[in-house]
PDB file of all heavy atoms in Angstrom:
ATOM      1  N   LEU A   1     200.103 -11.196 -33.802  1.00  0.00           N
ATOM      2  CA  LEU A   1     198.999 -12.149 -33.878  1.00  0.00           C
ATOM      3  C   LEU A   1     198.426 -12.496 -32.519  1.00  0.00           C
ATOM      4  O   LEU A   1     197.276 -12.935 -32.414  1.00  0.00           O
ATOM      5  CB  LEU A   1     199.470 -13.415 -34.587  1.00  0.00           C
ATOM      6  CG  LEU A   1     199.975 -13.224 -36.021  1.00  0.00           C
ATOM      7  CD1 LEU A   1     200.442 -14.549 -36.592  1.00  0.00           C
ATOM      8  CD2 LEU A   1     198.898 -12.595 -36.887  1.00  0.00           C
ATOM      9  N   THR A   2     199.223 -12.340 -31.483  1.00  0.00           N
ATOM     10  CA  THR A   2     198.802 -12.704 -30.137  1.00  0.00           C
ATOM     11  C   THR A   2     198.960 -11.507 -29.216  1.00  0.00           C
ATOM     12  O   THR A   2     199.975 -10.825 -29.261  1.00  0.00           O
ATOM     13  CB  THR A   2     199.639 -13.872 -29.597  1.00  0.00           C
ATOM     14  OG1 THR A   2     199.601 -14.956 -30.523  1.00  0.00           O
ATOM     15  CG2 THR A   2     199.101 -14.343 -28.250  1.00  0.00           C
ATOM     16  N   LYS A   3     197.945 -11.282 -28.388  1.00  0.00           N
ATOM     17  CA  LYS A   3     197.975 -10.197 -27.418  1.00  0.00           C
ATOM     18  C   LYS A   3     197.580 -10.741 -26.057  1.00  0.00           C
ATOM     19  O   LYS A   3     196.796 -11.693 -25.958  1.00  0.00           O
ATOM     20  CB  LYS A   3     197.021  -9.075 -27.835  1.00  0.00           C
ATOM     21  CG  LYS A   3     197.316  -8.507 -29.215  1.00  0.00           C
ATOM     22  CD  LYS A   3     196.293  -7.458 -29.610  1.00  0.00           C
ATOM     23  CE  LYS A   3     196.565  -6.956 -31.025  1.00  0.00           C
ATOM     24  NZ  LYS A   3     195.577  -5.914 -31.430  1.00  0.00           N
ATOM     25  N   TYR A   4     198.108 -10.110 -25.041  1.00  0.00           N
ATOM     26  CA  TYR A   4     197.800 -10.526 -23.673  1.00  0.00           C
ATOM     27  C   TYR A   4     197.700  -9.289 -22.808  1.00  0.00           C
ATOM     28  O   TYR A   4     198.517  -8.380 -22.920  1.00  0.00           O
ATOM     29  CB  TYR A   4     198.897 -11.461 -23.156  1.00  0.00           C
ATOM     30  CG  TYR A   4     198.626 -12.037 -21.797  1.00  0.00           C
ATOM     31  CD1 TYR A   4     197.652 -13.016 -21.619  1.00  0.00           C
ATOM     32  CD2 TYR A   4     199.341 -11.612 -20.685  1.00  0.00           C
ATOM     33  CE1 TYR A   4     197.395 -13.542 -20.368  1.00  0.00           C
ATOM     34  CE2 TYR A   4     199.091 -12.130 -19.435  1.00  0.00           C
ATOM     35  CZ  TYR A   4     198.124 -13.103 -19.278  1.00  0.00           C
ATOM     36  OH  TYR A   4     197.859 -13.623 -18.040  1.00  0.00           O
ATOM     37  N   TYR A   5     196.669  -9.252 -21.949  1.00  0.00           N
ATOM     38  CA  TYR A   5     196.416  -8.066 -21.126  1.00  0.00           C
ATOM     39  C   TYR A   5     196.304  -8.447 -19.649  1.00  0.00           C
ATOM     40  O   TYR A   5     195.837  -9.538 -19.296  1.00  0.00           O
ATOM     41  CB  TYR A   5     195.109  -7.415 -21.546  1.00  0.00           C
ATOM     42  CG  TYR A   5     195.097  -6.892 -22.961  1.00  0.00           C
ATOM     43  CD1 TYR A   5     194.620  -7.669 -24.004  1.00  0.00           C
ATOM     44  CD2 TYR A   5     195.560  -5.607 -23.252  1.00  0.00           C
ATOM     45  CE1 TYR A   5     194.606  -7.189 -25.311  1.00  0.00           C
ATOM     46  CE2 TYR A   5     195.542  -5.112 -24.550  1.00  0.00           C
ATOM     47  CZ  TYR A   5     195.066  -5.910 -25.565  1.00  0.00           C
ATOM     48  OH  TYR A   5     195.055  -5.432 -26.852  1.00  0.00           O
ATOM     49  N   ALA A   6     196.693  -7.511 -18.826  1.00  0.00           N
ATOM     50  CA  ALA A   6     196.406  -7.632 -17.404  1.00  0.00           C
ATOM     51  C   ALA A   6     194.904  -7.478 -17.208  1.00  0.00           C
ATOM     52  O   ALA A   6     194.241  -6.743 -17.951  1.00  0.00           O
ATOM     53  CB  ALA A   6     197.155  -6.564 -16.616  1.00  0.00           C
ATOM     54  N   ASP A   7     194.370  -8.159 -16.225  1.00  0.00           N
ATOM     55  CA  ASP A   7     192.934  -8.099 -15.979  1.00  0.00           C
ATOM     56  C   ASP A   7     192.465  -6.668 -15.723  1.00  0.00           C
ATOM     57  O   ASP A   7     191.337  -6.302 -16.077  1.00  0.00           O
ATOM     58  CB  ASP A   7     192.576  -8.977 -14.785  1.00  0.00           C
ATOM     59  CG  ASP A   7     192.672 -10.468 -15.107  1.00  0.00           C
ATOM     60  OD1 ASP A   7     192.682 -10.816 -16.301  1.00  0.00           O
ATOM     61  OD2 ASP A   7     192.748 -11.264 -14.156  1.00  0.00           O
ATOM     62  N   SER A   8     193.308  -5.873 -15.118  1.00  0.00           N
ATOM     63  CA  SER A   8     192.923  -4.512 -14.737  1.00  0.00           C
ATOM     64  C   SER A   8     192.688  -3.600 -15.943  1.00  0.00           C
ATOM     65  O   SER A   8     192.047  -2.555 -15.807  1.00  0.00           O
ATOM     66  CB  SER A   8     193.996  -3.902 -13.836  1.00  0.00           C
ATOM     67  OG  SER A   8     195.251  -3.881 -14.498  1.00  0.00           O
ATOM     68  N   VAL A   9     193.206  -3.971 -17.114  1.00  0.00           N
ATOM     69  CA  VAL A   9     193.060  -3.113 -18.287  1.00  0.00           C
ATOM     70  C   VAL A   9     192.290  -3.787 -19.420  1.00  0.00           C
ATOM     71  O   VAL A   9     191.988  -3.152 -20.435  1.00  0.00           O
ATOM     72  CB  VAL A   9     194.436  -2.637 -18.814  1.00  0.00           C
ATOM     73  CG1 VAL A   9     195.235  -1.977 -17.709  1.00  0.00           C
ATOM     74  CG2 VAL A   9     195.210  -3.783 -19.449  1.00  0.00           C
ATOM     75  N   LYS A  10     191.968  -5.038 -19.249  1.00  0.00           N
ATOM     76  CA  LYS A  10     191.291  -5.796 -20.299  1.00  0.00           C
ATOM     77  C   LYS A  10     189.969  -5.131 -20.655  1.00  0.00           C
ATOM     78  O   LYS A  10     189.181  -4.772 -19.784  1.00  0.00           O
ATOM     79  CB  LYS A  10     191.061  -7.230 -19.831  1.00  0.00           C
ATOM     80  CG  LYS A  10     190.844  -8.229 -20.930  1.00  0.00           C
ATOM     81  CD  LYS A  10     190.816  -9.633 -20.352  1.00  0.00           C
ATOM     82  CE  LYS A  10     192.143 -10.044 -19.763  1.00  0.00           C
ATOM     83  NZ  LYS A  10     192.134 -11.445 -19.261  1.00  0.00           N
ATOM     84  N   GLY A  11     189.740  -4.954 -21.948  1.00  0.00           N
ATOM     85  CA  GLY A  11     188.522  -4.303 -22.410  1.00  0.00           C
ATOM     86  C   GLY A  11     188.626  -2.800 -22.511  1.00  0.00           C
ATOM     87  O   GLY A  11     187.757  -2.159 -23.112  1.00  0.00           O
ATOM     88  N   ARG A  12     189.654  -2.210 -21.922  1.00  0.00           N
ATOM     89  CA  ARG A  12     189.842  -0.755 -21.976  1.00  0.00           C
ATOM     90  C   ARG A  12     191.079  -0.360 -22.778  1.00  0.00           C
ATOM     91  O   ARG A  12     191.080   0.677 -23.444  1.00  0.00           O
ATOM     92  CB  ARG A  12     189.970  -0.180 -20.558  1.00  0.00           C
ATOM     93  CG  ARG A  12     188.785  -0.429 -19.671  1.00  0.00           C
ATOM     94  CD  ARG A  12     188.913   0.329 -18.340  1.00  0.00           C
ATOM     95  NE  ARG A  12     190.087  -0.103 -17.581  1.00  0.00           N
ATOM     96  CZ  ARG A  12     191.061   0.725 -17.191  1.00  0.00           C
ATOM     97  NH1 ARG A  12     191.006   1.999 -17.496  1.00  0.00           N
ATOM     98  NH2 ARG A  12     192.076   0.262 -16.487  1.00  0.00           N
ATOM     99  N   PHE A  13     192.122  -1.165 -22.699  1.00  0.00           N
ATOM    100  CA  PHE A  13     193.381  -0.874 -23.378  1.00  0.00           C
ATOM    101  C   PHE A  13     193.548  -1.814 -24.567  1.00  0.00           C
ATOM    102  O   PHE A  13     193.118  -2.977 -24.529  1.00  0.00           O
ATOM    103  CB  PHE A  13     194.568  -1.078 -22.440  1.00  0.00           C
ATOM    104  CG  PHE A  13     194.691  -0.063 -21.331  1.00  0.00           C
ATOM    105  CD1 PHE A  13     193.668   0.826 -21.029  1.00  0.00           C
ATOM    106  CD2 PHE A  13     195.845   0.004 -20.573  1.00  0.00           C
ATOM    107  CE1 PHE A  13     193.782   1.753 -20.013  1.00  0.00           C
ATOM    108  CE2 PHE A  13     195.986   0.930 -19.556  1.00  0.00           C
ATOM    109  CZ  PHE A  13     194.953   1.797 -19.267  1.00  0.00           C
ATOM    110  N   THR A  14     194.200  -1.300 -25.604  1.00  0.00           N
ATOM    111  CA  THR A  14     194.498  -2.107 -26.784  1.00  0.00           C
ATOM    112  C   THR A  14     195.954  -1.904 -27.179  1.00  0.00           C
ATOM    113  O   THR A  14     196.390  -0.760 -27.399  1.00  0.00           O
ATOM    114  CB  THR A  14     193.601  -1.722 -27.964  1.00  0.00           C
ATOM    115  OG1 THR A  14     192.225  -1.900 -27.594  1.00  0.00           O
ATOM    116  CG2 THR A  14     193.897  -2.607 -29.169  1.00  0.00           C
ATOM    117  N   ILE A  15     196.680  -2.997 -27.263  1.00  0.00           N
ATOM    118  CA  ILE A  15     198.070  -2.932 -27.695  1.00  0.00           C
ATOM    119  C   ILE A  15     198.134  -3.258 -29.181  1.00  0.00           C
ATOM    120  O   ILE A  15     197.384  -4.105 -29.678  1.00  0.00           O
ATOM    121  CB  ILE A  15     198.953  -3.901 -26.866  1.00  0.00           C
ATOM    122  CG1 ILE A  15     200.429  -3.664 -27.158  1.00  0.00           C
ATOM    123  CG2 ILE A  15     198.543  -5.347 -27.088  1.00  0.00           C
ATOM    124  CD1 ILE A  15     201.352  -4.431 -26.217  1.00  0.00           C
ATOM    125  N   SER A  16     199.012  -2.569 -29.884  1.00  0.00           N
ATOM    126  CA  SER A  16     199.177  -2.817 -31.308  1.00  0.00           C
ATOM    127  C   SER A  16     200.608  -2.471 -31.702  1.00  0.00           C
ATOM    128  O   SER A  16     201.374  -1.937 -30.892  1.00  0.00           O
ATOM    129  CB  SER A  16     198.180  -1.997 -32.132  1.00  0.00           C
ATOM    130  OG  SER A  16     198.382  -0.608 -31.942  1.00  0.00           O
ATOM    131  N   ARG A  17     200.929  -2.770 -32.947  1.00  0.00           N
ATOM    132  CA  ARG A  17     202.274  -2.471 -33.417  1.00  0.00           C
ATOM    133  C   ARG A  17     202.254  -2.266 -34.932  1.00  0.00           C
ATOM    134  O   ARG A  17     201.415  -2.818 -35.630  1.00  0.00           O
ATOM    135  CB  ARG A  17     203.241  -3.591 -33.053  1.00  0.00           C
ATOM    136  CG  ARG A  17     202.936  -4.943 -33.678  1.00  0.00           C
ATOM    137  CD  ARG A  17     203.742  -6.042 -33.018  1.00  0.00           C
ATOM    138  NE  ARG A  17     205.181  -5.813 -33.191  1.00  0.00           N
ATOM    139  CZ  ARG A  17     206.117  -6.355 -32.409  1.00  0.00           C
ATOM    140  NH1 ARG A  17     205.764  -7.153 -31.417  1.00  0.00           N
ATOM    141  NH2 ARG A  17     207.392  -6.123 -32.639  1.00  0.00           N
ATOM    142  N   ASP A  18     203.195  -1.469 -35.379  1.00  0.00           N
ATOM    143  CA  ASP A  18     203.404  -1.251 -36.811  1.00  0.00           C
ATOM    144  C   ASP A  18     204.875  -1.570 -37.062  1.00  0.00           C
ATOM    145  O   ASP A  18     205.752  -0.716 -36.840  1.00  0.00           O
ATOM    146  CB  ASP A  18     203.069   0.187 -37.190  1.00  0.00           C
ATOM    147  CG  ASP A  18     203.154   0.420 -38.688  1.00  0.00           C
ATOM    148  OD1 ASP A  18     203.846  -0.338 -39.381  1.00  0.00           O
ATOM    149  OD2 ASP A  18     202.518   1.383 -39.156  1.00  0.00           O
ATOM    150  N   ASN A  19     205.143  -2.770 -37.506  1.00  0.00           N
ATOM    151  CA  ASN A  19     206.534  -3.185 -37.673  1.00  0.00           C
ATOM    152  C   ASN A  19     207.244  -2.424 -38.794  1.00  0.00           C
ATOM    153  O   ASN A  19     208.466  -2.276 -38.765  1.00  0.00           O
ATOM    154  CB  ASN A  19     206.605  -4.694 -37.917  1.00  0.00           C
ATOM    155  CG  ASN A  19     206.306  -5.491 -36.664  1.00  0.00           C
ATOM    156  OD1 ASN A  19     206.439  -4.986 -35.545  1.00  0.00           O
ATOM    157  ND2 ASN A  19     205.885  -6.727 -36.840  1.00  0.00           N
ATOM    158  N   ASP A  20     206.485  -1.939 -39.751  1.00  0.00           N
ATOM    159  CA  ASP A  20     207.106  -1.142 -40.812  1.00  0.00           C
ATOM    160  C   ASP A  20     207.675   0.155 -40.248  1.00  0.00           C
ATOM    161  O   ASP A  20     208.656   0.690 -40.763  1.00  0.00           O
ATOM    162  CB  ASP A  20     206.088  -0.830 -41.905  1.00  0.00           C
ATOM    163  CG  ASP A  20     205.731  -2.059 -42.716  1.00  0.00           C
ATOM    164  OD1 ASP A  20     206.537  -3.018 -42.730  1.00  0.00           O
ATOM    165  OD2 ASP A  20     204.648  -2.064 -43.332  1.00  0.00           O
ATOM    166  N   LYS A  21     207.042   0.652 -39.196  1.00  0.00           N
ATOM    167  CA  LYS A  21     207.501   1.887 -38.554  1.00  0.00           C
ATOM    168  C   LYS A  21     208.328   1.605 -37.301  1.00  0.00           C
ATOM    169  O   LYS A  21     208.761   2.546 -36.630  1.00  0.00           O
ATOM    170  CB  LYS A  21     206.303   2.764 -38.187  1.00  0.00           C
ATOM    171  CG  LYS A  21     205.505   3.257 -39.377  1.00  0.00           C
ATOM    172  CD  LYS A  21     204.356   4.146 -38.934  1.00  0.00           C
ATOM    173  CE  LYS A  21     203.584   4.666 -40.134  1.00  0.00           C
ATOM    174  NZ  LYS A  21     202.433   5.530 -39.720  1.00  0.00           N
ATOM    175  N   ASN A  22     208.499   0.323 -36.981  1.00  0.00           N
ATOM    176  CA  ASN A  22     209.255  -0.052 -35.773  1.00  0.00           C
ATOM    177  C   ASN A  22     208.669   0.619 -34.532  1.00  0.00           C
ATOM    178  O   ASN A  22     209.412   1.105 -33.658  1.00  0.00           O
ATOM    179  CB  ASN A  22     210.732   0.317 -35.922  1.00  0.00           C
ATOM    180  CG  ASN A  22     211.640  -0.898 -35.799  1.00  0.00           C
ATOM    181  OD1 ASN A  22     211.248  -2.029 -36.114  1.00  0.00           O
ATOM    182  ND2 ASN A  22     212.858  -0.689 -35.333  1.00  0.00           N
ATOM    183  N   THR A  23     207.366   0.642 -34.463  1.00  0.00           N
ATOM    184  CA  THR A  23     206.676   1.378 -33.396  1.00  0.00           C
ATOM    185  C   THR A  23     205.566   0.528 -32.810  1.00  0.00           C
ATOM    186  O   THR A  23     204.885  -0.206 -33.528  1.00  0.00           O
ATOM    187  CB  THR A  23     206.098   2.694 -33.937  1.00  0.00           C
ATOM    188  OG1 THR A  23     207.154   3.480 -34.481  1.00  0.00           O
ATOM    189  CG2 THR A  23     205.407   3.480 -32.834  1.00  0.00           C
ATOM    190  N   MET A  24     205.393   0.656 -31.488  1.00  0.00           N
ATOM    191  CA  MET A  24     204.319  -0.027 -30.792  1.00  0.00           C
ATOM    192  C   MET A  24     203.392   1.008 -30.172  1.00  0.00           C
ATOM    193  O   MET A  24     203.810   2.149 -29.921  1.00  0.00           O
ATOM    194  CB  MET A  24     204.878  -0.927 -29.673  1.00  0.00           C
ATOM    195  CG  MET A  24     205.804  -2.014 -30.172  1.00  0.00           C
ATOM    196  SD  MET A  24     207.486  -1.432 -30.541  1.00  0.00           S
ATOM    197  CE  MET A  24     208.126  -1.116 -28.912  1.00  0.00           C
ATOM    198  N   TYR A  25     202.178   0.620 -29.896  1.00  0.00           N
ATOM    199  CA  TYR A  25     201.187   1.553 -29.382  1.00  0.00           C
ATOM    200  C   TYR A  25     200.413   0.932 -28.225  1.00  0.00           C
ATOM    201  O   TYR A  25     200.288  -0.286 -28.117  1.00  0.00           O
ATOM    202  CB  TYR A  25     200.196   1.941 -30.485  1.00  0.00           C
ATOM    203  CG  TYR A  25     200.853   2.474 -31.736  1.00  0.00           C
ATOM    204  CD1 TYR A  25     201.100   1.647 -32.817  1.00  0.00           C
ATOM    205  CD2 TYR A  25     201.239   3.815 -31.816  1.00  0.00           C
ATOM    206  CE1 TYR A  25     201.715   2.135 -33.967  1.00  0.00           C
ATOM    207  CE2 TYR A  25     201.849   4.306 -32.959  1.00  0.00           C
ATOM    208  CZ  TYR A  25     202.087   3.463 -34.024  1.00  0.00           C
ATOM    209  OH  TYR A  25     202.693   3.953 -35.156  1.00  0.00           O
ATOM    210  N   LEU A  26     199.886   1.812 -27.398  1.00  0.00           N
ATOM    211  CA  LEU A  26     198.953   1.400 -26.355  1.00  0.00           C
ATOM    212  C   LEU A  26     197.823   2.403 -26.346  1.00  0.00           C
ATOM    213  O   LEU A  26     198.008   3.542 -25.904  1.00  0.00           O
ATOM    214  CB  LEU A  26     199.639   1.330 -24.987  1.00  0.00           C
ATOM    215  CG  LEU A  26     198.766   0.769 -23.870  1.00  0.00           C
ATOM    216  CD1 LEU A  26     198.476  -0.721 -24.109  1.00  0.00           C
ATOM    217  CD2 LEU A  26     199.426   0.962 -22.501  1.00  0.00           C
ATOM    218  N   GLN A  27     196.681   1.984 -26.855  1.00  0.00           N
ATOM    219  CA  GLN A  27     195.480   2.820 -26.831  1.00  0.00           C
ATOM    220  C   GLN A  27     194.783   2.589 -25.502  1.00  0.00           C
ATOM    221  O   GLN A  27     194.429   1.453 -25.179  1.00  0.00           O
ATOM    222  CB  GLN A  27     194.554   2.467 -27.988  1.00  0.00           C
ATOM    223  CG  GLN A  27     193.257   3.228 -28.000  1.00  0.00           C
ATOM    224  CD  GLN A  27     193.439   4.715 -28.264  1.00  0.00           C
ATOM    225  OE1 GLN A  27     194.211   5.104 -29.126  1.00  0.00           O
ATOM    226  NE2 GLN A  27     192.728   5.547 -27.510  1.00  0.00           N
ATOM    227  N   MET A  28     194.573   3.664 -24.761  1.00  0.00           N
ATOM    228  CA  MET A  28     193.982   3.563 -23.432  1.00  0.00           C
ATOM    229  C   MET A  28     192.674   4.336 -23.405  1.00  0.00           C
ATOM    230  O   MET A  28     192.665   5.554 -23.606  1.00  0.00           O
ATOM    231  CB  MET A  28     194.951   4.104 -22.381  1.00  0.00           C
ATOM    232  CG  MET A  28     196.334   3.464 -22.436  1.00  0.00           C
ATOM    233  SD  MET A  28     197.420   3.995 -21.094  1.00  0.00           S
ATOM    234  CE  MET A  28     197.591   5.730 -21.488  1.00  0.00           C
ATOM    235  N   ASN A  29     191.586   3.634 -23.164  1.00  0.00           N
ATOM    236  CA  ASN A  29     190.263   4.245 -23.098  1.00  0.00           C
ATOM    237  C   ASN A  29     189.669   4.084 -21.706  1.00  0.00           C
ATOM    238  O   ASN A  29     190.144   3.263 -20.906  1.00  0.00           O
ATOM    239  CB  ASN A  29     189.333   3.593 -24.126  1.00  0.00           C
ATOM    240  CG  ASN A  29     189.817   3.765 -25.554  1.00  0.00           C
ATOM    241  OD1 ASN A  29     190.448   4.778 -25.891  1.00  0.00           O
ATOM    242  ND2 ASN A  29     189.517   2.802 -26.402  1.00  0.00           N
ATOM    243  N   SER A  30     188.659   4.850 -21.434  1.00  0.00           N
ATOM    244  CA  SER A  30     187.959   4.783 -20.133  1.00  0.00           C
ATOM    245  C   SER A  30     188.948   4.848 -18.977  1.00  0.00           C
ATOM    246  O   SER A  30     188.887   4.053 -18.034  1.00  0.00           O
ATOM    247  CB  SER A  30     187.124   3.501 -20.046  1.00  0.00           C
ATOM    248  OG  SER A  30     186.180   3.425 -21.093  1.00  0.00           O
ATOM    249  N   LEU A  31     189.830   5.807 -19.051  1.00  0.00           N
ATOM    250  CA  LEU A  31     190.869   5.925 -18.029  1.00  0.00           C
ATOM    251  C   LEU A  31     190.284   6.365 -16.705  1.00  0.00           C
ATOM    252  O   LEU A  31     189.326   7.153 -16.647  1.00  0.00           O
ATOM    253  CB  LEU A  31     191.932   6.914 -18.489  1.00  0.00           C
ATOM    254  CG  LEU A  31     192.877   6.389 -19.581  1.00  0.00           C
ATOM    255  CD1 LEU A  31     193.600   7.546 -20.256  1.00  0.00           C
ATOM    256  CD2 LEU A  31     193.865   5.412 -18.998  1.00  0.00           C
ATOM    257  N   GLY A  32     190.885   5.850 -15.649  1.00  0.00           N
ATOM    258  CA  GLY A  32     190.498   6.221 -14.301  1.00  0.00           C
ATOM    259  C   GLY A  32     191.719   6.632 -13.503  1.00  0.00           C
ATOM    260  O   GLY A  32     192.857   6.382 -13.938  1.00  0.00           O
ATOM    261  N   PRO A  33     191.533   7.256 -12.351  1.00  0.00           N
ATOM    262  CA  PRO A  33     192.672   7.671 -11.527  1.00  0.00           C
ATOM    263  C   PRO A  33     193.621   6.519 -11.207  1.00  0.00           C
ATOM    264  O   PRO A  33     194.828   6.753 -11.029  1.00  0.00           O
ATOM    265  CB  PRO A  33     192.012   8.214 -10.267  1.00  0.00           C
ATOM    266  CG  PRO A  33     190.666   8.661 -10.713  1.00  0.00           C
ATOM    267  CD  PRO A  33     190.250   7.678 -11.766  1.00  0.00           C
ATOM    268  N   GLU A  34     193.100   5.311 -11.162  1.00  0.00           N
ATOM    269  CA  GLU A  34     193.944   4.145 -10.854  1.00  0.00           C
ATOM    270  C   GLU A  34     194.926   3.829 -11.976  1.00  0.00           C
ATOM    271  O   GLU A  34     195.846   3.022 -11.786  1.00  0.00           O
ATOM    272  CB  GLU A  34     193.073   2.914 -10.578  1.00  0.00           C
ATOM    273  CG  GLU A  34     192.298   2.387 -11.778  1.00  0.00           C
ATOM    274  CD  GLU A  34     190.996   3.113 -12.041  1.00  0.00           C
ATOM    275  OE1 GLU A  34     190.752   4.174 -11.427  1.00  0.00           O
ATOM    276  OE2 GLU A  34     190.213   2.602 -12.885  1.00  0.00           O
ATOM    277  N   ASP A  35     194.745   4.451 -13.126  1.00  0.00           N
ATOM    278  CA  ASP A  35     195.663   4.243 -14.244  1.00  0.00           C
ATOM    279  C   ASP A  35     196.836   5.227 -14.225  1.00  0.00           C
ATOM    280  O   ASP A  35     197.723   5.146 -15.081  1.00  0.00           O
ATOM    281  CB  ASP A  35     194.918   4.373 -15.571  1.00  0.00           C
ATOM    282  CG  ASP A  35     193.847   3.306 -15.748  1.00  0.00           C
ATOM    283  OD1 ASP A  35     194.157   2.121 -15.508  1.00  0.00           O
ATOM    284  OD2 ASP A  35     192.710   3.666 -16.105  1.00  0.00           O
ATOM    285  N   THR A  36     196.811   6.143 -13.285  1.00  0.00           N
ATOM    286  CA  THR A  36     197.916   7.091 -13.166  1.00  0.00           C
ATOM    287  C   THR A  36     199.210   6.365 -12.841  1.00  0.00           C
ATOM    288  O   THR A  36     199.286   5.618 -11.865  1.00  0.00           O
ATOM    289  CB  THR A  36     197.614   8.126 -12.069  1.00  0.00           C
ATOM    290  OG1 THR A  36     196.492   8.918 -12.465  1.00  0.00           O
ATOM    291  CG2 THR A  36     198.810   9.029 -11.822  1.00  0.00           C
ATOM    292  N   ALA A  37     200.210   6.575 -13.676  1.00  0.00           N
ATOM    293  CA  ALA A  37     201.480   5.866 -13.523  1.00  0.00           C
ATOM    294  C   ALA A  37     202.453   6.337 -14.592  1.00  0.00           C
ATOM    295  O   ALA A  37     202.061   7.044 -15.533  1.00  0.00           O
ATOM    296  CB  ALA A  37     201.279   4.362 -13.648  1.00  0.00           C
ATOM    297  N   VAL A  38     203.688   5.931 -14.437  1.00  0.00           N
ATOM    298  CA  VAL A  38     204.659   6.056 -15.516  1.00  0.00           C
ATOM    299  C   VAL A  38     204.574   4.773 -16.337  1.00  0.00           C
ATOM    300  O   VAL A  38     204.650   3.674 -15.784  1.00  0.00           O
ATOM    301  CB  VAL A  38     206.091   6.250 -14.991  1.00  0.00           C
ATOM    302  CG1 VAL A  38     207.076   6.312 -16.149  1.00  0.00           C
ATOM    303  CG2 VAL A  38     206.178   7.522 -14.146  1.00  0.00           C
ATOM    304  N   TYR A  39     204.407   4.927 -17.628  1.00  0.00           N
ATOM    305  CA  TYR A  39     204.243   3.783 -18.512  1.00  0.00           C
ATOM    306  C   TYR A  39     205.533   3.538 -19.284  1.00  0.00           C
ATOM    307  O   TYR A  39     206.106   4.479 -19.849  1.00  0.00           O
ATOM    308  CB  TYR A  39     203.087   4.029 -19.478  1.00  0.00           C
ATOM    309  CG  TYR A  39     201.738   3.851 -18.827  1.00  0.00           C
ATOM    310  CD1 TYR A  39     201.258   4.784 -17.911  1.00  0.00           C
ATOM    311  CD2 TYR A  39     200.954   2.733 -19.093  1.00  0.00           C
ATOM    312  CE1 TYR A  39     200.031   4.613 -17.278  1.00  0.00           C
ATOM    313  CE2 TYR A  39     199.719   2.555 -18.481  1.00  0.00           C
ATOM    314  CZ  TYR A  39     199.267   3.493 -17.577  1.00  0.00           C
ATOM    315  OH  TYR A  39     198.047   3.321 -16.956  1.00  0.00           O
ATOM    316  N   TYR A  40     205.934   2.274 -19.319  1.00  0.00           N
ATOM    317  CA  TYR A  40     207.168   1.875 -19.969  1.00  0.00           C
ATOM    318  C   TYR A  40     206.886   0.839 -21.058  1.00  0.00           C
ATOM    319  O   TYR A  40     206.086  -0.071 -20.847  1.00  0.00           O
ATOM    320  CB  TYR A  40     208.124   1.230 -18.967  1.00  0.00           C
ATOM    321  CG  TYR A  40     208.523   2.096 -17.809  1.00  0.00           C
ATOM    322  CD1 TYR A  40     207.767   2.138 -16.651  1.00  0.00           C
ATOM    323  CD2 TYR A  40     209.687   2.855 -17.872  1.00  0.00           C
ATOM    324  CE1 TYR A  40     208.137   2.927 -15.572  1.00  0.00           C
ATOM    325  CE2 TYR A  40     210.082   3.651 -16.799  1.00  0.00           C
ATOM    326  CZ  TYR A  40     209.295   3.679 -15.659  1.00  0.00           C
ATOM    327  OH  TYR A  40     209.680   4.473 -14.601  1.00  0.00           O
ATOM    328  N   CYS A  41     207.583   0.952 -22.170  1.00  0.00           N
ATOM    329  CA  CYS A  41     207.554  -0.127 -23.145  1.00  0.00           C
ATOM    330  C   CYS A  41     208.849  -0.926 -23.006  1.00  0.00           C
ATOM    331  O   CYS A  41     209.871  -0.412 -22.536  1.00  0.00           O
ATOM    332  CB  CYS A  41     207.396   0.398 -24.570  1.00  0.00           C
ATOM    333  SG  CYS A  41     208.733   1.435 -25.171  1.00  0.00           S
TER     334      CYS A  41
END
């Protein structure tokens, strides 16, 4: 019900979850070189 984003990704990334599948997601759009990183949940 509640989501919170870092300013650097706000408007480009969307976090979601499917509790029935015990899975979380991060949809990342409009990616730039500054988004290059290892991503951890």
